[in-house]
Amino acid sequence: MSTVKIELTILRYVVALAAGFYLINQVKKPSRWTGRFFLALMNISHSSLTDWGLQHVEVKPDFTILDVGCGGGRTIQKLATVATHGKVHGIDYSNGSVAASRAKNLPAIEAGRVAVQKASVSQLPFSENKFDLVTAVETQYYWPDPVKDMQEILRVLKPGGTLVIIAESYKKGATNALQRPVMKLLKSSNFGVDEHRELFLATGYTDIQIWEERRRGWICVSGKKPTTVS
C-alpha cells in the first residue's frame, strides 16, 4: 500500500472516530441544531420509562415541580398535564435542550404554567423550599458532583417534598453491560441499587424507596426532604 493510501486510510479512521464521539456527546449535551434530532428520539424512547417511573410518586394538581435535565421537554409536558393548577419548571445546561423544551411546551409557557431556563443542577436558580417534587429522568449520570448536586436539590425542595430519579441503566441492571461502554466514553456515573440508597442517605433524604423493572433494566429511586431538622 502506498504512503498516500495509508495516510488516507488513517484520515478516514480519525474522521470517523471524531464524528462518532461528536454524535455520542450529543446524548450528553445536545447542541441547538444537531441535537434536535437526538432530543426528538429521546422524547420517544424515554416516554415509557418516564411513565413507569412517575407512577411511583404522587403528583397533585397544585404541585410546583422542577424537572432537572429537561432534555426535549416531554417529561415537562407529562407533568404539566397532571399539575393543572400548579407550575412546572425545567432546567438544562444545554442550549439545544432549553430551545427544544420551550418549543415542545410553548402553549403551557404562554399560559404561565411552564417555565424553562438554562441552568445547572449544581447551582439551581431557585429559592429554598420551593418545590413539591423534583424529577430527574435519564440525567443523573452526567451530574458533576452527585453528592453536592443532590444537596442542592434538597435545598430547593419543600419539607416533605420528593426527589425522584428515573433511569434506564444502572449497575448490574439488565441492559448495563450493553450501555456501559458508551456511558464510560461520556464519563458518566454508574450507580447500582445500593449506591443509589447510600447516596440518598448521605445527602439527607428520608423515606427512600427503590423500584426495579428487571426485564427492561429500569430503576426508579425516590426520597423525601425531612419535615423537621434533627
C-alpha atoms as a PDB file:
ATOM      1  CA  MET A   1       0.000   0.000   0.000  1.00  0.00           C
ATOM      2  CA  SER A   2       1.350   3.429  -0.933  1.00  0.00           C
ATOM      3  CA  THR A   3       2.085   6.130   1.594  1.00  0.00           C
ATOM      4  CA  VAL A   4      -0.786   8.234   0.221  1.00  0.00           C
ATOM      5  CA  LYS A   5      -3.281   5.381   0.641  1.00  0.00           C
ATOM      6  CA  ILE A   6      -2.084   4.735   4.187  1.00  0.00           C
ATOM      7  CA  GLU A   7      -2.472   8.407   5.060  1.00  0.00           C
ATOM      8  CA  LEU A   8      -5.970   8.492   3.554  1.00  0.00           C
ATOM      9  CA  THR A   9      -6.973   5.372   5.499  1.00  0.00           C
ATOM     10  CA  ILE A  10      -5.696   6.880   8.747  1.00  0.00           C
ATOM     11  CA  LEU A  11      -7.510  10.124   7.960  1.00  0.00           C
ATOM     12  CA  ARG A  12     -10.793   8.263   7.372  1.00  0.00           C
ATOM     13  CA  TYR A  13     -10.446   6.495  10.733  1.00  0.00           C
ATOM     14  CA  VAL A  14      -9.697   9.757  12.518  1.00  0.00           C
ATOM     15  CA  VAL A  15     -12.698  11.466  10.921  1.00  0.00           C
ATOM     16  CA  ALA A  16     -14.954   8.506  11.740  1.00  0.00           C
ATOM     17  CA  LEU A  17     -13.811   8.468  15.373  1.00  0.00           C
ATOM     18  CA  ALA A  18     -14.272  12.230  15.702  1.00  0.00           C
ATOM     19  CA  ALA A  19     -17.751  12.049  14.173  1.00  0.00           C
ATOM     20  CA  GLY A  20     -18.682   9.128  16.417  1.00  0.00           C
ATOM     21  CA  PHE A  21     -17.527  10.944  19.542  1.00  0.00           C
ATOM     22  CA  TYR A  22     -19.400  14.088  18.477  1.00  0.00           C
ATOM     23  CA  LEU A  23     -22.629  12.180  17.948  1.00  0.00           C
ATOM     24  CA  ILE A  24     -22.289  10.294  21.246  1.00  0.00           C
ATOM     25  CA  ASN A  25     -21.677  13.582  23.051  1.00  0.00           C
ATOM     26  CA  GLN A  26     -24.968  14.902  21.640  1.00  0.00           C
ATOM     27  CA  VAL A  27     -26.704  12.493  24.025  1.00  0.00           C
ATOM     28  CA  LYS A  28     -24.969  14.156  26.985  1.00  0.00           C
ATOM     29  CA  LYS A  29     -25.251  17.779  25.867  1.00  0.00           C
ATOM     30  CA  PRO A  30     -27.365  18.293  22.729  1.00  0.00           C
ATOM     31  CA  SER A  31     -26.469  21.281  20.590  1.00  0.00           C
ATOM     32  CA  ARG A  32     -29.083  23.701  19.314  1.00  0.00           C
ATOM     33  CA  TRP A  33     -29.226  22.232  15.794  1.00  0.00           C
ATOM     34  CA  THR A  34     -27.720  18.736  15.553  1.00  0.00           C
ATOM     35  CA  GLY A  35     -29.081  17.936  18.995  1.00  0.00           C
ATOM     36  CA  ARG A  36     -32.699  18.433  17.938  1.00  0.00           C
ATOM     37  CA  PHE A  37     -32.685  15.046  16.233  1.00  0.00           C
ATOM     38  CA  PHE A  38     -31.368  13.306  19.346  1.00  0.00           C
ATOM     39  CA  LEU A  39     -33.786  15.169  21.608  1.00  0.00           C
ATOM     40  CA  ALA A  40     -36.721  14.081  19.457  1.00  0.00           C
ATOM     41  CA  LEU A  41     -35.515  10.483  19.680  1.00  0.00           C
ATOM     42  CA  MET A  42     -35.123  10.740  23.452  1.00  0.00           C
ATOM     43  CA  ASN A  43     -38.639  12.125  23.812  1.00  0.00           C
ATOM     44  CA  ILE A  44     -39.909   8.978  22.119  1.00  0.00           C
ATOM     45  CA  SER A  45     -37.550   6.392  23.610  1.00  0.00           C
ATOM     46  CA  HIS A  46     -37.815   7.641  27.195  1.00  0.00           C
ATOM     47  CA  SER A  47     -41.600   8.058  27.242  1.00  0.00           C
ATOM     48  CA  SER A  48     -42.458   4.586  28.581  1.00  0.00           C
ATOM     49  CA  LEU A  49     -39.614   4.774  31.104  1.00  0.00           C
ATOM     50  CA  THR A  50     -40.899   8.132  32.341  1.00  0.00           C
ATOM     51  CA  ASP A  51     -44.492   6.883  32.660  1.00  0.00           C
ATOM     52  CA  TRP A  52     -43.297   3.854  34.623  1.00  0.00           C
ATOM     53  CA  GLY A  53     -41.191   5.968  36.968  1.00  0.00           C
ATOM     54  CA  LEU A  54     -43.767   8.680  37.612  1.00  0.00           C
ATOM     55  CA  GLN A  55     -46.387   6.145  38.656  1.00  0.00           C
ATOM     56  CA  HIS A  56     -44.325   5.605  41.816  1.00  0.00           C
ATOM     57  CA  VAL A  57     -44.650   9.191  43.064  1.00  0.00           C
ATOM     58  CA  GLU A  58     -47.578  11.448  43.847  1.00  0.00           C
ATOM     59  CA  VAL A  59     -48.219  14.369  41.511  1.00  0.00           C
ATOM     60  CA  LYS A  60     -51.004  16.652  42.695  1.00  0.00           C
ATOM     61  CA  PRO A  61     -52.784  19.257  40.542  1.00  0.00           C
ATOM     62  CA  ASP A  62     -51.426  22.174  42.601  1.00  0.00           C
ATOM     63  CA  PHE A  63     -47.808  20.992  42.778  1.00  0.00           C
ATOM     64  CA  THR A  64     -44.843  23.219  41.972  1.00  0.00           C
ATOM     65  CA  ILE A  65     -42.425  20.912  40.130  1.00  0.00           C
ATOM     66  CA  LEU A  66     -38.870  21.045  38.805  1.00  0.00           C
ATOM     67  CA  ASP A  67     -37.586  18.777  36.042  1.00  0.00           C
ATOM     68  CA  VAL A  68     -33.787  18.665  36.164  1.00  0.00           C
ATOM     69  CA  GLY A  69     -32.151  17.978  32.797  1.00  0.00           C
ATOM     70  CA  CYS A  70     -35.387  18.544  30.897  1.00  0.00           C
ATOM     71  CA  GLY A  71     -33.978  17.465  27.512  1.00  0.00           C
ATOM     72  CA  GLY A  72     -36.617  17.582  24.795  1.00  0.00           C
ATOM     73  CA  GLY A  73     -39.382  18.645  27.190  1.00  0.00           C
ATOM     74  CA  ARG A  74     -41.593  15.538  27.109  1.00  0.00           C
ATOM     75  CA  THR A  75     -41.394  14.976  30.879  1.00  0.00           C
ATOM     76  CA  ILE A  76     -42.371  18.593  31.490  1.00  0.00           C
ATOM     77  CA  GLN A  77     -45.364  18.091  29.218  1.00  0.00           C
ATOM     78  CA  LYS A  78     -46.441  14.950  31.100  1.00  0.00           C
ATOM     79  CA  LEU A  79     -46.114  16.695  34.467  1.00  0.00           C
ATOM     80  CA  ALA A  80     -47.976  19.812  33.340  1.00  0.00           C
ATOM     81  CA  THR A  81     -50.863  17.630  32.174  1.00  0.00           C
ATOM     82  CA  VAL A  82     -51.317  16.498  35.788  1.00  0.00           C
ATOM     83  CA  ALA A  83     -50.295  19.661  37.672  1.00  0.00           C
ATOM     84  CA  THR A  84     -53.055  21.676  36.030  1.00  0.00           C
ATOM     85  CA  HIS A  85     -53.233  24.253  38.836  1.00  0.00           C
ATOM     86  CA  GLY A  86     -49.542  24.293  39.670  1.00  0.00           C
ATOM     87  CA  LYS A  87     -46.407  25.139  37.724  1.00  0.00           C
ATOM     88  CA  VAL A  88     -43.658  23.061  36.156  1.00  0.00           C
ATOM     89  CA  HIS A  89     -40.137  24.429  35.814  1.00  0.00           C
ATOM     90  CA  GLY A  90     -37.479  22.845  33.646  1.00  0.00           C
ATOM     91  CA  ILE A  91     -33.726  23.401  33.643  1.00  0.00           C
ATOM     92  CA  ASP A  92     -30.975  22.100  31.405  1.00  0.00           C
ATOM     93  CA  TYR A  93     -27.348  23.111  30.843  1.00  0.00           C
ATOM     94  CA  SER A  94     -27.691  22.633  27.076  1.00  0.00           C
ATOM     95  CA  ASN A  95     -28.913  25.476  24.858  1.00  0.00           C
ATOM     96  CA  GLY A  96     -30.342  22.896  22.472  1.00  0.00           C
ATOM     97  CA  SER A  97     -32.377  21.228  25.200  1.00  0.00           C
ATOM     98  CA  VAL A  98     -33.717  24.539  26.501  1.00  0.00           C
ATOM     99  CA  ALA A  99     -34.834  25.534  22.989  1.00  0.00           C
ATOM    100  CA  ALA A 100     -36.434  22.143  22.326  1.00  0.00           C
ATOM    101  CA  SER A 101     -38.228  22.076  25.686  1.00  0.00           C
ATOM    102  CA  ARG A 102     -39.600  25.553  25.152  1.00  0.00           C
ATOM    103  CA  ALA A 103     -40.860  24.649  21.694  1.00  0.00           C
ATOM    104  CA  LYS A 104     -42.449  21.440  22.994  1.00  0.00           C
ATOM    105  CA  ASN A 105     -44.294  23.285  25.770  1.00  0.00           C
ATOM    106  CA  LEU A 106     -44.982  26.643  24.120  1.00  0.00           C
ATOM    107  CA  PRO A 107     -48.755  26.772  24.846  1.00  0.00           C
ATOM    108  CA  ALA A 108     -48.201  25.975  28.545  1.00  0.00           C
ATOM    109  CA  ILE A 109     -45.383  28.529  28.737  1.00  0.00           C
ATOM    110  CA  GLU A 110     -47.624  31.203  27.226  1.00  0.00           C
ATOM    111  CA  ALA A 111     -50.302  30.261  29.770  1.00  0.00           C
ATOM    112  CA  GLY A 112     -47.799  30.741  32.612  1.00  0.00           C
ATOM    113  CA  ARG A 113     -47.928  27.100  33.685  1.00  0.00           C
ATOM    114  CA  VAL A 114     -44.439  26.111  32.493  1.00  0.00           C
ATOM    115  CA  ALA A 115     -41.057  27.857  32.576  1.00  0.00           C
ATOM    116  CA  VAL A 116     -37.795  26.587  31.080  1.00  0.00           C
ATOM    117  CA  GLN A 117     -34.358  28.100  31.562  1.00  0.00           C
ATOM    118  CA  LYS A 118     -30.704  27.272  31.143  1.00  0.00           C
ATOM    119  CA  ALA A 119     -29.110  26.288  34.449  1.00  0.00           C
ATOM    120  CA  SER A 120     -27.005  23.624  36.114  1.00  0.00           C
ATOM    121  CA  VAL A 121     -28.120  21.172  38.781  1.00  0.00           C
ATOM    122  CA  SER A 122     -25.056  22.308  40.724  1.00  0.00           C
ATOM    123  CA  GLN A 123     -26.432  25.840  41.099  1.00  0.00           C
ATOM    124  CA  LEU A 124     -30.201  25.934  40.846  1.00  0.00           C
ATOM    125  CA  PRO A 125     -31.631  29.447  40.310  1.00  0.00           C
ATOM    126  CA  PHE A 126     -34.427  28.992  42.855  1.00  0.00           C
ATOM    127  CA  SER A 127     -35.095  29.886  46.468  1.00  0.00           C
ATOM    128  CA  GLU A 128     -35.143  27.347  49.279  1.00  0.00           C
ATOM    129  CA  ASN A 129     -38.242  25.244  49.963  1.00  0.00           C
ATOM    130  CA  LYS A 130     -39.889  25.962  46.595  1.00  0.00           C
ATOM    131  CA  PHE A 131     -40.773  22.592  45.030  1.00  0.00           C
ATOM    132  CA  ASP A 132     -43.151  19.800  45.981  1.00  0.00           C
ATOM    133  CA  LEU A 133     -41.479  17.438  43.513  1.00  0.00           C
ATOM    134  CA  VAL A 134     -38.189  17.329  41.626  1.00  0.00           C
ATOM    135  CA  THR A 135     -37.791  14.846  38.778  1.00  0.00           C
ATOM    136  CA  ALA A 136     -34.585  13.674  37.078  1.00  0.00           C
ATOM    137  CA  VAL A 137     -35.089  11.364  34.101  1.00  0.00           C
ATOM    138  CA  GLU A 138     -32.008   9.925  32.380  1.00  0.00           C
ATOM    139  CA  THR A 139     -29.812  12.785  33.565  1.00  0.00           C
ATOM    140  CA  GLN A 140     -28.160  11.932  36.893  1.00  0.00           C
ATOM    141  CA  TYR A 141     -25.397  10.074  35.050  1.00  0.00           C
ATOM    142  CA  TYR A 142     -23.916  13.405  33.997  1.00  0.00           C
ATOM    143  CA  TRP A 143     -24.110  15.421  37.219  1.00  0.00           C
ATOM    144  CA  PRO A 144     -20.701  16.974  38.003  1.00  0.00           C
ATOM    145  CA  ASP A 145     -20.767  16.145  41.724  1.00  0.00           C
ATOM    146  CA  PRO A 146     -23.637  13.796  42.687  1.00  0.00           C
ATOM    147  CA  VAL A 147     -23.345  14.454  46.437  1.00  0.00           C
ATOM    148  CA  LYS A 148     -23.330  18.248  46.195  1.00  0.00           C
ATOM    149  CA  ASP A 149     -25.917  18.212  43.424  1.00  0.00           C
ATOM    150  CA  MET A 150     -28.296  16.057  45.479  1.00  0.00           C
ATOM    151  CA  GLN A 151     -27.848  18.511  48.358  1.00  0.00           C
ATOM    152  CA  GLU A 152     -28.603  21.416  46.032  1.00  0.00           C
ATOM    153  CA  ILE A 153     -31.856  19.728  45.025  1.00  0.00           C
ATOM    154  CA  LEU A 154     -32.625  19.125  48.704  1.00  0.00           C
ATOM    155  CA  ARG A 155     -32.234  22.861  49.308  1.00  0.00           C
ATOM    156  CA  VAL A 156     -34.982  23.806  46.839  1.00  0.00           C
ATOM    157  CA  LEU A 157     -37.390  21.050  47.911  1.00  0.00           C
ATOM    158  CA  LYS A 158     -40.139  21.896  50.361  1.00  0.00           C
ATOM    159  CA  PRO A 159     -40.056  19.976  53.664  1.00  0.00           C
ATOM    160  CA  GLY A 160     -41.726  16.683  52.813  1.00  0.00           C
ATOM    161  CA  GLY A 161     -41.072  17.226  49.103  1.00  0.00           C
ATOM    162  CA  THR A 162     -39.844  14.403  46.895  1.00  0.00           C
ATOM    163  CA  LEU A 163     -36.914  13.848  44.553  1.00  0.00           C
ATOM    164  CA  VAL A 164     -37.366  11.020  42.048  1.00  0.00           C
ATOM    165  CA  ILE A 165     -34.564   9.703  39.843  1.00  0.00           C
ATOM    166  CA  ILE A 166     -35.583   7.552  36.870  1.00  0.00           C
ATOM    167  CA  ALA A 167     -33.008   5.752  34.733  1.00  0.00           C
ATOM    168  CA  GLU A 168     -32.826   3.051  32.085  1.00  0.00           C
ATOM    169  CA  SER A 169     -29.361   1.857  33.070  1.00  0.00           C
ATOM    170  CA  TYR A 170     -27.806   1.034  36.432  1.00  0.00           C
ATOM    171  CA  LYS A 171     -25.015  -1.142  37.720  1.00  0.00           C
ATOM    172  CA  LYS A 172     -25.927  -4.838  37.446  1.00  0.00           C
ATOM    173  CA  GLY A 173     -29.128  -3.932  35.596  1.00  0.00           C
ATOM    174  CA  ALA A 174     -30.270  -5.967  32.601  1.00  0.00           C
ATOM    175  CA  THR A 175     -29.010  -3.501  29.971  1.00  0.00           C
ATOM    176  CA  ASN A 176     -25.972  -2.130  31.770  1.00  0.00           C
ATOM    177  CA  ALA A 177     -23.427  -4.367  30.050  1.00  0.00           C
ATOM    178  CA  LEU A 178     -24.543  -3.066  26.644  1.00  0.00           C
ATOM    179  CA  GLN A 179     -24.797   0.592  27.612  1.00  0.00           C
ATOM    180  CA  ARG A 180     -21.771   0.838  29.871  1.00  0.00           C
ATOM    181  CA  PRO A 181     -19.139   1.292  27.107  1.00  0.00           C
ATOM    182  CA  VAL A 182     -20.959   4.383  25.793  1.00  0.00           C
ATOM    183  CA  MET A 183     -21.536   5.698  29.309  1.00  0.00           C
ATOM    184  CA  LYS A 184     -17.837   5.280  30.012  1.00  0.00           C
ATOM    185  CA  LEU A 185     -16.970   7.354  26.946  1.00  0.00           C
ATOM    186  CA  LEU A 186     -19.257  10.064  28.276  1.00  0.00           C
ATOM    187  CA  LYS A 187     -17.543   9.891  31.703  1.00  0.00           C
ATOM    188  CA  SER A 188     -20.878   9.241  33.373  1.00  0.00           C
ATOM    189  CA  SER A 189     -21.705   7.836  36.801  1.00  0.00           C
ATOM    190  CA  ASN A 190     -22.894   4.251  37.127  1.00  0.00           C
ATOM    191  CA  PHE A 191     -24.718   3.611  40.390  1.00  0.00           C
ATOM    192  CA  GLY A 192     -26.281   0.349  41.481  1.00  0.00           C
ATOM    193  CA  VAL A 193     -29.188  -0.181  43.868  1.00  0.00           C
ATOM    194  CA  ASP A 194     -27.020   0.039  46.992  1.00  0.00           C
ATOM    195  CA  GLU A 195     -25.095   3.070  45.716  1.00  0.00           C
ATOM    196  CA  HIS A 196     -28.353   4.916  44.999  1.00  0.00           C
ATOM    197  CA  ARG A 197     -29.627   4.197  48.507  1.00  0.00           C
ATOM    198  CA  GLU A 198     -26.358   5.295  50.088  1.00  0.00           C
ATOM    199  CA  LEU A 199     -26.301   8.495  48.015  1.00  0.00           C
ATOM    200  CA  PHE A 200     -29.816   9.480  49.113  1.00  0.00           C
ATOM    201  CA  LEU A 201     -28.982   8.700  52.747  1.00  0.00           C
ATOM    202  CA  ALA A 202     -25.664  10.551  52.674  1.00  0.00           C
ATOM    203  CA  THR A 203     -27.251  13.705  51.288  1.00  0.00           C
ATOM    204  CA  GLY A 204     -30.032  13.970  53.854  1.00  0.00           C
ATOM    205  CA  TYR A 205     -33.071  12.322  52.250  1.00  0.00           C
ATOM    206  CA  THR A 206     -35.527  10.119  54.138  1.00  0.00           C
ATOM    207  CA  ASP A 207     -38.259   7.622  53.179  1.00  0.00           C
ATOM    208  CA  ILE A 208     -36.057   6.221  50.422  1.00  0.00           C
ATOM    209  CA  GLN A 209     -37.746   3.775  48.061  1.00  0.00           C
ATOM    210  CA  ILE A 210     -36.298   1.867  45.125  1.00  0.00           C
ATOM    211  CA  TRP A 211     -38.133   0.079  42.335  1.00  0.00           C
ATOM    212  CA  GLU A 212     -36.660  -2.046  39.568  1.00  0.00           C
ATOM    213  CA  GLU A 213     -38.157  -3.132  36.270  1.00  0.00           C
ATOM    214  CA  ARG A 214     -35.720  -6.016  35.906  1.00  0.00           C
ATOM    215  CA  ARG A 215     -36.799  -7.173  32.457  1.00  0.00           C
ATOM    216  CA  ARG A 216     -36.050  -3.780  30.919  1.00  0.00           C
ATOM    217  CA  GLY A 217     -33.216  -2.800  33.242  1.00  0.00           C
ATOM    218  CA  TRP A 218     -35.003   0.279  34.595  1.00  0.00           C
ATOM    219  CA  ILE A 219     -34.627   1.804  38.061  1.00  0.00           C
ATOM    220  CA  CYS A 220     -36.621   4.424  39.976  1.00  0.00           C
ATOM    221  CA  VAL A 221     -35.409   5.901  43.272  1.00  0.00           C
ATOM    222  CA  SER A 222     -37.248   8.400  45.435  1.00  0.00           C
ATOM    223  CA  GLY A 223     -36.505  10.185  48.675  1.00  0.00           C
ATOM    224  CA  LYS A 224     -38.063  12.987  50.695  1.00  0.00           C
ATOM    225  CA  LYS A 225     -36.775  16.118  52.346  1.00  0.00           C
ATOM    226  CA  PRO A 226     -37.237  15.776  56.132  1.00  0.00           C
ATOM    227  CA  THR A 227     -40.115  17.790  57.526  1.00  0.00           C
ATOM    228  CA  THR A 228     -38.143  18.672  60.640  1.00  0.00           C
ATOM    229  CA  VAL A 229     -34.476  19.363  61.280  1.00  0.00           C
ATOM    230  CA  SER A 230     -32.915  16.815  63.620  1.00  0.00           C
END
